[in-house]
Amino acid sequence: MNLRIIQFLVLKMIMKYQQVNNKKIKNGLLYKKINQEGERLCFISDSLFIVQPYLSSKMNIYELNHQTKLFNQINELQIKNGSSCHCFFESQYIKQKQILVCKNGFNINLIKINQQAEFKLIQFIDLGTGNSFGRLTADGQFMVIWDDKTQQIQIFLFKEIKK
């Protein structure tokens, strides 16, 4: 099973339930149909996650409604994308820095998330290619990237500039 199919199935398995009235439940899982092909998923907290639709310039933000026990799309964020993308650069949230790194197309988007779950694109890196791989360190201090355009490993040091 390829990664795109696995990610699509994960989108459908939003949350486990004991009982939910008038909802489709199979094997203890609630299924929610969405009309998009997701390329990347990332939980920000137990009640908040993002979905990056394939080659879309918008990232969708979902939050748990504690009364209905359903995740609903609460917002979308305009991000940088490109004409080609591979799913090998997974989104990553660094809690201590409140930074989400989400690759889309040719671009790596750096998104700040505050305590009120407000998302803001603070910077993007245009790699000029969709064929790239990368990962952040656990503390979010460094990001390592390899891409087929430069054929080199690039190491980025994150420094937060206070305004």
N, C-alpha and C. Protein backbone atom coordinates (compact mmCIF):
# COMPACT_ATOMS: atom_id res chain seq x y z
N MET A 1 0.85 -1.16 0.00
CA MET A 1 0.00 0.00 0.00
C MET A 1 0.90 1.23 0.00
N ASN A 2 0.65 2.18 -0.94
CA ASN A 2 1.54 3.34 -0.99
C ASN A 2 1.14 4.39 0.05
N LEU A 3 2.05 5.33 0.27
CA LEU A 3 1.88 6.33 1.33
C LEU A 3 0.64 7.18 1.12
N ARG A 4 0.33 7.55 -0.12
CA ARG A 4 -0.83 8.40 -0.39
C ARG A 4 -2.12 7.68 0.02
N ILE A 5 -2.22 6.38 -0.25
CA ILE A 5 -3.42 5.62 0.13
C ILE A 5 -3.50 5.52 1.65
N ILE A 6 -2.37 5.28 2.30
CA ILE A 6 -2.36 5.21 3.76
C ILE A 6 -2.80 6.54 4.36
N GLN A 7 -2.28 7.65 3.82
CA GLN A 7 -2.66 8.96 4.35
C GLN A 7 -4.14 9.23 4.13
N PHE A 8 -4.69 8.81 3.00
CA PHE A 8 -6.11 8.99 2.73
C PHE A 8 -6.94 8.21 3.74
N LEU A 9 -6.51 6.98 4.03
CA LEU A 9 -7.24 6.17 5.01
C LEU A 9 -7.17 6.79 6.40
N VAL A 10 -6.03 7.37 6.74
CA VAL A 10 -5.90 8.03 8.04
C VAL A 10 -6.85 9.22 8.13
N LEU A 11 -7.04 9.94 7.02
CA LEU A 11 -7.98 11.06 7.01
C LEU A 11 -9.38 10.59 7.36
N LYS A 12 -9.73 9.40 6.90
CA LYS A 12 -11.07 8.88 7.14
C LYS A 12 -11.25 8.40 8.58
N MET A 13 -10.18 7.99 9.22
CA MET A 13 -10.27 7.47 10.59
C MET A 13 -10.00 8.60 11.57
N ILE A 14 -10.94 9.49 11.69
CA ILE A 14 -10.72 10.71 12.45
C ILE A 14 -10.64 10.44 13.96
N MET A 15 -11.51 9.64 14.50
CA MET A 15 -11.48 9.48 15.95
C MET A 15 -12.23 8.22 16.37
N LYS A 16 -11.78 7.56 17.44
CA LYS A 16 -12.47 6.38 17.97
C LYS A 16 -13.60 6.82 18.90
N TYR A 17 -14.68 6.04 18.86
CA TYR A 17 -15.83 6.35 19.70
C TYR A 17 -16.43 5.09 20.31
N GLN A 18 -17.03 5.23 21.46
CA GLN A 18 -17.84 4.17 22.04
C GLN A 18 -19.22 4.21 21.39
N GLN A 19 -19.84 5.39 21.38
CA GLN A 19 -21.15 5.57 20.78
C GLN A 19 -21.22 6.95 20.17
N VAL A 20 -21.78 7.01 18.97
CA VAL A 20 -22.06 8.30 18.33
C VAL A 20 -23.41 8.15 17.63
N ASN A 21 -24.34 9.03 17.94
CA ASN A 21 -25.68 8.95 17.36
C ASN A 21 -25.67 9.35 15.90
N ASN A 22 -26.33 8.55 15.07
CA ASN A 22 -26.54 8.83 13.65
C ASN A 22 -25.25 9.06 12.87
N LYS A 23 -24.17 8.44 13.25
CA LYS A 23 -22.91 8.57 12.52
C LYS A 23 -22.49 7.20 12.04
N LYS A 24 -21.74 7.16 10.95
CA LYS A 24 -21.26 5.89 10.40
C LYS A 24 -20.08 5.40 11.23
N ILE A 25 -20.27 4.26 11.89
CA ILE A 25 -19.22 3.69 12.72
C ILE A 25 -18.94 2.28 12.23
N LYS A 26 -17.67 1.98 12.08
CA LYS A 26 -17.26 0.64 11.68
C LYS A 26 -16.03 0.28 12.50
N ASN A 27 -16.08 -0.83 13.19
CA ASN A 27 -14.97 -1.29 14.03
C ASN A 27 -14.51 -0.23 15.03
N GLY A 28 -15.45 0.52 15.59
CA GLY A 28 -15.11 1.51 16.60
C GLY A 28 -14.53 2.80 16.07
N LEU A 29 -14.50 2.98 14.74
CA LEU A 29 -13.94 4.19 14.14
C LEU A 29 -15.03 5.00 13.47
N LEU A 30 -14.96 6.30 13.64
CA LEU A 30 -15.87 7.19 12.95
C LEU A 30 -15.24 7.61 11.65
N TYR A 31 -15.98 7.51 10.57
CA TYR A 31 -15.47 7.89 9.26
C TYR A 31 -16.09 9.21 8.85
N LYS A 32 -15.25 10.07 8.32
CA LYS A 32 -15.73 11.36 7.83
C LYS A 32 -15.20 11.52 6.42
N LYS A 33 -16.11 11.72 5.48
CA LYS A 33 -15.70 11.86 4.09
C LYS A 33 -15.31 13.31 3.84
N ILE A 34 -14.15 13.48 3.23
CA ILE A 34 -13.72 14.80 2.81
C ILE A 34 -13.41 14.74 1.33
N ASN A 35 -13.63 15.82 0.64
CA ASN A 35 -13.47 15.85 -0.81
C ASN A 35 -12.13 16.44 -1.21
N GLN A 36 -11.07 15.78 -0.82
CA GLN A 36 -9.74 16.23 -1.19
C GLN A 36 -8.76 15.08 -1.05
N GLU A 37 -7.66 15.17 -1.74
CA GLU A 37 -6.61 14.18 -1.63
C GLU A 37 -5.53 14.77 -0.74
N GLY A 38 -5.36 14.19 0.43
CA GLY A 38 -4.39 14.73 1.38
C GLY A 38 -2.99 14.23 1.11
N GLU A 39 -2.04 15.13 1.15
CA GLU A 39 -0.63 14.77 0.94
C GLU A 39 0.10 14.66 2.27
N ARG A 40 -0.26 15.50 3.22
CA ARG A 40 0.40 15.49 4.51
C ARG A 40 -0.60 15.73 5.63
N LEU A 41 -0.34 15.10 6.78
CA LEU A 41 -1.14 15.25 7.98
C LEU A 41 -0.20 15.51 9.14
N CYS A 42 -0.65 16.32 10.09
CA CYS A 42 0.19 16.54 11.27
C CYS A 42 -0.69 16.97 12.43
N PHE A 43 -0.60 16.25 13.54
CA PHE A 43 -1.30 16.67 14.76
C PHE A 43 -0.48 17.74 15.45
N ILE A 44 -1.16 18.81 15.84
CA ILE A 44 -0.57 19.91 16.60
C ILE A 44 -0.79 19.64 18.09
N SER A 45 -1.95 19.11 18.41
CA SER A 45 -2.30 18.70 19.77
C SER A 45 -3.30 17.56 19.65
N ASP A 46 -3.81 17.10 20.79
CA ASP A 46 -4.81 16.02 20.75
C ASP A 46 -6.11 16.46 20.10
N SER A 47 -6.35 17.76 20.03
CA SER A 47 -7.61 18.25 19.48
C SER A 47 -7.44 19.15 18.25
N LEU A 48 -6.25 19.18 17.67
CA LEU A 48 -5.99 20.06 16.54
C LEU A 48 -5.03 19.38 15.57
N PHE A 49 -5.39 19.36 14.28
CA PHE A 49 -4.47 18.83 13.28
C PHE A 49 -4.65 19.56 11.96
N ILE A 50 -3.66 19.39 11.07
CA ILE A 50 -3.71 20.02 9.75
C ILE A 50 -3.71 18.93 8.68
N VAL A 51 -4.30 19.29 7.55
CA VAL A 51 -4.27 18.45 6.35
C VAL A 51 -3.75 19.32 5.23
N GLN A 52 -2.74 18.82 4.54
CA GLN A 52 -2.19 19.54 3.38
C GLN A 52 -2.70 18.84 2.12
N PRO A 53 -3.71 19.43 1.45
CA PRO A 53 -4.17 18.83 0.19
C PRO A 53 -3.07 18.86 -0.87
N TYR A 54 -3.09 17.89 -1.73
CA TYR A 54 -2.07 17.73 -2.77
C TYR A 54 -2.01 18.96 -3.66
N LEU A 55 -0.84 19.60 -3.74
CA LEU A 55 -0.53 20.75 -4.59
C LEU A 55 -1.48 21.94 -4.40
N SER A 56 -2.09 22.04 -3.25
CA SER A 56 -2.98 23.16 -2.97
C SER A 56 -2.19 24.29 -2.33
N SER A 57 -2.63 25.51 -2.54
CA SER A 57 -1.98 26.65 -1.90
C SER A 57 -2.60 26.94 -0.53
N LYS A 58 -3.49 26.06 -0.08
CA LYS A 58 -4.12 26.25 1.22
C LYS A 58 -3.95 25.00 2.07
N MET A 59 -3.72 25.22 3.35
CA MET A 59 -3.63 24.15 4.32
C MET A 59 -4.89 24.21 5.17
N ASN A 60 -5.53 23.07 5.39
CA ASN A 60 -6.77 23.01 6.16
C ASN A 60 -6.48 22.67 7.61
N ILE A 61 -7.18 23.36 8.51
CA ILE A 61 -6.97 23.21 9.95
C ILE A 61 -8.25 22.64 10.56
N TYR A 62 -8.11 21.54 11.30
CA TYR A 62 -9.24 20.87 11.92
C TYR A 62 -9.10 20.90 13.43
N GLU A 63 -10.25 21.08 14.11
CA GLU A 63 -10.25 21.11 15.57
C GLU A 63 -11.39 20.24 16.09
N LEU A 64 -11.16 19.62 17.23
CA LEU A 64 -12.16 18.77 17.86
C LEU A 64 -13.21 19.62 18.54
N ASN A 65 -14.47 19.36 18.21
CA ASN A 65 -15.59 19.95 18.92
C ASN A 65 -15.88 19.01 20.09
N HIS A 66 -15.63 19.45 21.30
CA HIS A 66 -15.74 18.57 22.47
C HIS A 66 -17.17 18.16 22.78
N GLN A 67 -18.16 18.92 22.30
CA GLN A 67 -19.56 18.54 22.53
C GLN A 67 -20.00 17.44 21.58
N THR A 68 -19.69 17.59 20.28
CA THR A 68 -20.11 16.60 19.30
C THR A 68 -19.11 15.47 19.14
N LYS A 69 -17.90 15.66 19.66
CA LYS A 69 -16.81 14.70 19.53
C LYS A 69 -16.41 14.47 18.07
N LEU A 70 -16.57 15.51 17.26
CA LEU A 70 -16.19 15.45 15.84
C LEU A 70 -15.14 16.50 15.54
N PHE A 71 -14.25 16.18 14.62
CA PHE A 71 -13.30 17.17 14.13
C PHE A 71 -13.96 17.93 12.99
N ASN A 72 -13.88 19.26 13.05
CA ASN A 72 -14.43 20.12 12.00
C ASN A 72 -13.34 21.04 11.48
N GLN A 73 -13.43 21.35 10.20
CA GLN A 73 -12.48 22.31 9.64
C GLN A 73 -12.83 23.68 10.18
N ILE A 74 -11.86 24.33 10.81
CA ILE A 74 -12.11 25.63 11.43
C ILE A 74 -11.47 26.78 10.66
N ASN A 75 -10.49 26.45 9.82
CA ASN A 75 -9.79 27.51 9.12
C ASN A 75 -8.96 26.90 8.00
N GLU A 76 -8.43 27.78 7.16
CA GLU A 76 -7.44 27.38 6.17
C GLU A 76 -6.40 28.49 6.10
N LEU A 77 -5.18 28.10 5.78
CA LEU A 77 -4.07 29.04 5.75
C LEU A 77 -3.46 29.04 4.36
N GLN A 78 -3.25 30.22 3.81
CA GLN A 78 -2.59 30.37 2.51
C GLN A 78 -1.10 30.08 2.70
N ILE A 79 -0.58 29.14 1.92
CA ILE A 79 0.84 28.79 1.99
C ILE A 79 1.43 28.78 0.59
N LYS A 80 2.74 28.63 0.52
CA LYS A 80 3.43 28.56 -0.78
C LYS A 80 3.44 27.11 -1.25
N ASN A 81 3.24 26.94 -2.56
CA ASN A 81 3.26 25.59 -3.11
C ASN A 81 4.04 25.58 -4.41
N GLY A 82 3.87 24.57 -5.23
CA GLY A 82 4.58 24.44 -6.49
C GLY A 82 3.86 23.45 -7.38
N SER A 83 4.44 23.18 -8.54
CA SER A 83 3.76 22.34 -9.52
C SER A 83 4.10 20.86 -9.40
N SER A 84 4.90 20.50 -8.44
CA SER A 84 5.29 19.10 -8.27
C SER A 84 5.57 18.84 -6.80
N CYS A 85 5.18 17.67 -6.33
CA CYS A 85 5.43 17.38 -4.92
C CYS A 85 5.52 15.88 -4.71
N HIS A 86 6.42 15.49 -3.82
CA HIS A 86 6.55 14.10 -3.40
C HIS A 86 6.28 14.03 -1.91
N CYS A 87 5.76 12.92 -1.47
CA CYS A 87 5.28 12.81 -0.08
C CYS A 87 6.34 12.37 0.91
N PHE A 88 7.61 12.51 0.58
CA PHE A 88 8.67 11.99 1.45
C PHE A 88 9.19 13.00 2.48
N PHE A 89 8.63 14.17 2.53
CA PHE A 89 9.04 15.21 3.48
C PHE A 89 7.83 15.47 4.37
N GLU A 90 7.72 14.71 5.46
CA GLU A 90 6.52 14.81 6.26
C GLU A 90 6.47 16.11 7.06
N SER A 91 5.26 16.57 7.34
CA SER A 91 5.08 17.75 8.17
C SER A 91 5.53 17.42 9.59
N GLN A 92 6.01 18.45 10.27
CA GLN A 92 6.55 18.24 11.61
C GLN A 92 6.23 19.45 12.47
N TYR A 93 5.70 19.21 13.67
CA TYR A 93 5.40 20.27 14.61
C TYR A 93 6.37 20.19 15.78
N ILE A 94 7.02 21.31 16.08
CA ILE A 94 7.94 21.41 17.21
C ILE A 94 7.24 22.23 18.29
N LYS A 95 6.75 21.53 19.31
CA LYS A 95 5.93 22.15 20.35
C LYS A 95 6.66 23.26 21.09
N GLN A 96 7.92 23.03 21.48
CA GLN A 96 8.62 24.03 22.29
C GLN A 96 8.86 25.33 21.53
N LYS A 97 8.92 25.30 20.21
CA LYS A 97 9.08 26.51 19.41
C LYS A 97 7.77 26.98 18.78
N GLN A 98 6.72 26.16 18.90
CA GLN A 98 5.41 26.43 18.30
C GLN A 98 5.54 26.68 16.79
N ILE A 99 6.35 25.84 16.15
CA ILE A 99 6.61 25.97 14.71
C ILE A 99 6.16 24.69 14.01
N LEU A 100 5.44 24.87 12.92
CA LEU A 100 5.05 23.78 12.03
C LEU A 100 5.83 23.94 10.74
N VAL A 101 6.48 22.87 10.31
CA VAL A 101 7.20 22.86 9.04
C VAL A 101 6.42 21.96 8.11
N CYS A 102 5.98 22.52 6.99
CA CYS A 102 5.13 21.79 6.06
C CYS A 102 5.60 22.05 4.64
N LYS A 103 6.12 21.02 3.98
CA LYS A 103 6.56 21.16 2.59
C LYS A 103 5.36 21.02 1.67
N ASN A 104 5.35 21.81 0.63
CA ASN A 104 4.30 21.72 -0.39
C ASN A 104 4.89 22.15 -1.72
N GLY A 105 4.89 21.25 -2.68
CA GLY A 105 5.48 21.57 -3.97
C GLY A 105 6.96 21.83 -3.83
N PHE A 106 7.40 22.99 -4.30
CA PHE A 106 8.82 23.37 -4.25
C PHE A 106 9.20 24.04 -2.94
N ASN A 107 8.24 24.30 -2.07
CA ASN A 107 8.46 25.17 -0.92
C ASN A 107 8.33 24.46 0.42
N ILE A 108 9.17 24.89 1.36
CA ILE A 108 9.06 24.48 2.75
C ILE A 108 8.49 25.69 3.49
N ASN A 109 7.31 25.51 4.07
CA ASN A 109 6.61 26.58 4.78
C ASN A 109 6.89 26.48 6.27
N LEU A 110 7.25 27.60 6.88
CA LEU A 110 7.46 27.69 8.33
C LEU A 110 6.29 28.47 8.91
N ILE A 111 5.53 27.83 9.77
CA ILE A 111 4.28 28.39 10.27
C ILE A 111 4.34 28.47 11.79
N LYS A 112 4.04 29.64 12.32
CA LYS A 112 4.00 29.85 13.77
C LYS A 112 2.56 29.63 14.23
N ILE A 113 2.41 28.92 15.34
CA ILE A 113 1.09 28.64 15.91
C ILE A 113 1.08 29.15 17.34
N ASN A 114 0.17 30.09 17.64
CA ASN A 114 0.15 30.64 19.00
C ASN A 114 -0.79 29.83 19.91
N GLN A 115 -0.93 30.26 21.16
CA GLN A 115 -1.74 29.54 22.15
C GLN A 115 -3.22 29.50 21.79
N GLN A 116 -3.68 30.45 20.98
CA GLN A 116 -5.09 30.49 20.58
C GLN A 116 -5.32 29.71 19.28
N ALA A 117 -4.35 28.91 18.88
CA ALA A 117 -4.41 28.10 17.66
C ALA A 117 -4.55 28.97 16.41
N GLU A 118 -3.90 30.13 16.44
CA GLU A 118 -3.84 30.99 15.25
C GLU A 118 -2.56 30.66 14.49
N PHE A 119 -2.70 30.43 13.20
CA PHE A 119 -1.59 30.01 12.35
C PHE A 119 -1.13 31.20 11.51
N LYS A 120 0.19 31.37 11.39
CA LYS A 120 0.73 32.46 10.58
C LYS A 120 1.97 31.96 9.84
N LEU A 121 1.95 32.10 8.51
CA LEU A 121 3.11 31.76 7.70
C LEU A 121 4.17 32.83 7.96
N ILE A 122 5.31 32.41 8.52
CA ILE A 122 6.35 33.39 8.86
C ILE A 122 7.49 33.40 7.86
N GLN A 123 7.69 32.29 7.16
CA GLN A 123 8.78 32.22 6.18
C GLN A 123 8.57 31.00 5.31
N PHE A 124 9.13 31.05 4.09
CA PHE A 124 9.15 29.86 3.26
C PHE A 124 10.50 29.78 2.56
N ILE A 125 10.88 28.56 2.23
CA ILE A 125 12.14 28.30 1.52
C ILE A 125 11.77 27.68 0.18
N ASP A 126 12.12 28.34 -0.91
CA ASP A 126 11.85 27.82 -2.26
C ASP A 126 13.04 26.98 -2.69
N LEU A 127 12.84 25.68 -2.81
CA LEU A 127 13.92 24.77 -3.19
C LEU A 127 14.07 24.65 -4.70
N GLY A 128 13.07 25.10 -5.46
CA GLY A 128 13.14 25.02 -6.91
C GLY A 128 12.90 23.61 -7.44
N THR A 129 12.50 22.70 -6.58
CA THR A 129 12.20 21.32 -6.98
C THR A 129 11.24 20.71 -5.96
N GLY A 130 10.41 19.81 -6.43
CA GLY A 130 9.50 19.11 -5.54
C GLY A 130 10.10 17.83 -4.98
N ASN A 131 11.25 17.43 -5.51
CA ASN A 131 11.88 16.19 -5.09
C ASN A 131 12.92 16.48 -4.01
N SER A 132 12.45 16.57 -2.78
CA SER A 132 13.34 16.88 -1.66
C SER A 132 12.91 16.07 -0.44
N PHE A 133 13.86 15.88 0.44
CA PHE A 133 13.65 15.11 1.65
C PHE A 133 14.25 15.90 2.80
N GLY A 134 13.62 15.86 3.97
CA GLY A 134 14.18 16.60 5.08
C GLY A 134 13.53 16.27 6.40
N ARG A 135 14.15 16.78 7.45
CA ARG A 135 13.67 16.52 8.81
C ARG A 135 14.28 17.54 9.75
N LEU A 136 13.52 17.88 10.79
CA LEU A 136 14.01 18.76 11.85
C LEU A 136 14.51 17.93 13.02
N THR A 137 15.42 18.52 13.79
CA THR A 137 15.82 17.89 15.04
C THR A 137 14.65 17.99 16.02
N ALA A 138 14.67 17.18 17.06
CA ALA A 138 13.57 17.14 18.03
C ALA A 138 13.33 18.49 18.69
N ASP A 139 14.39 19.29 18.89
CA ASP A 139 14.23 20.60 19.51
C ASP A 139 13.95 21.71 18.49
N GLY A 140 13.94 21.38 17.21
CA GLY A 140 13.65 22.36 16.17
C GLY A 140 14.79 23.31 15.87
N GLN A 141 15.97 23.04 16.36
CA GLN A 141 17.10 23.94 16.14
C GLN A 141 17.66 23.82 14.73
N PHE A 142 17.70 22.60 14.20
CA PHE A 142 18.29 22.37 12.87
C PHE A 142 17.30 21.66 11.95
N MET A 143 17.42 21.96 10.67
CA MET A 143 16.68 21.24 9.64
C MET A 143 17.69 20.79 8.60
N VAL A 144 17.61 19.52 8.23
CA VAL A 144 18.49 18.95 7.22
C VAL A 144 17.64 18.63 6.00
N ILE A 145 18.12 19.04 4.82
CA ILE A 145 17.39 18.84 3.56
C ILE A 145 18.34 18.30 2.50
N TRP A 146 17.84 17.38 1.70
CA TRP A 146 18.51 16.97 0.47
C TRP A 146 17.50 17.17 -0.64
N ASP A 147 17.96 17.71 -1.79
CA ASP A 147 17.07 17.84 -2.94
C ASP A 147 17.82 17.45 -4.21
N ASP A 148 17.04 17.09 -5.24
CA ASP A 148 17.65 16.62 -6.48
C ASP A 148 18.20 17.74 -7.35
N LYS A 149 17.87 18.99 -7.02
CA LYS A 149 18.40 20.12 -7.80
C LYS A 149 19.84 20.42 -7.42
N THR A 150 20.11 20.54 -6.12
CA THR A 150 21.48 20.85 -5.67
C THR A 150 22.32 19.58 -5.51
N GLN A 151 21.65 18.45 -5.32
CA GLN A 151 22.33 17.17 -5.06
C GLN A 151 23.24 17.27 -3.83
N GLN A 152 22.85 18.10 -2.88
CA GLN A 152 23.65 18.31 -1.68
C GLN A 152 22.76 18.26 -0.44
N ILE A 153 23.39 17.99 0.68
CA ILE A 153 22.70 18.11 1.96
C ILE A 153 22.86 19.55 2.42
N GLN A 154 21.74 20.17 2.78
CA GLN A 154 21.76 21.53 3.30
C GLN A 154 21.31 21.47 4.76
N ILE A 155 22.00 22.20 5.61
CA ILE A 155 21.65 22.24 7.03
C ILE A 155 21.29 23.68 7.38
N PHE A 156 20.08 23.85 7.92
CA PHE A 156 19.59 25.16 8.31
C PHE A 156 19.56 25.25 9.83
N LEU A 157 19.99 26.38 10.36
CA LEU A 157 19.92 26.68 11.78
C LEU A 157 18.78 27.67 11.97
N PHE A 158 17.82 27.33 12.83
CA PHE A 158 16.69 28.22 13.07
C PHE A 158 17.01 29.20 14.17
N LYS A 159 16.83 30.47 13.86
CA LYS A 159 16.97 31.53 14.84
C LYS A 159 15.70 32.36 14.79
N GLU A 160 15.07 32.49 15.95
CA GLU A 160 13.86 33.28 16.02
C GLU A 160 14.23 34.74 16.24
N ILE A 161 13.71 35.59 15.38
CA ILE A 161 13.98 37.03 15.48
C ILE A 161 12.82 37.67 16.23
N LYS A 162 13.11 38.25 17.36
CA LYS A 162 12.07 38.92 18.17
C LYS A 162 11.82 40.30 17.60
N LYS A 163 10.54 40.65 17.47
CA LYS A 163 10.18 41.97 16.96
C LYS A 163 9.74 42.88 18.06
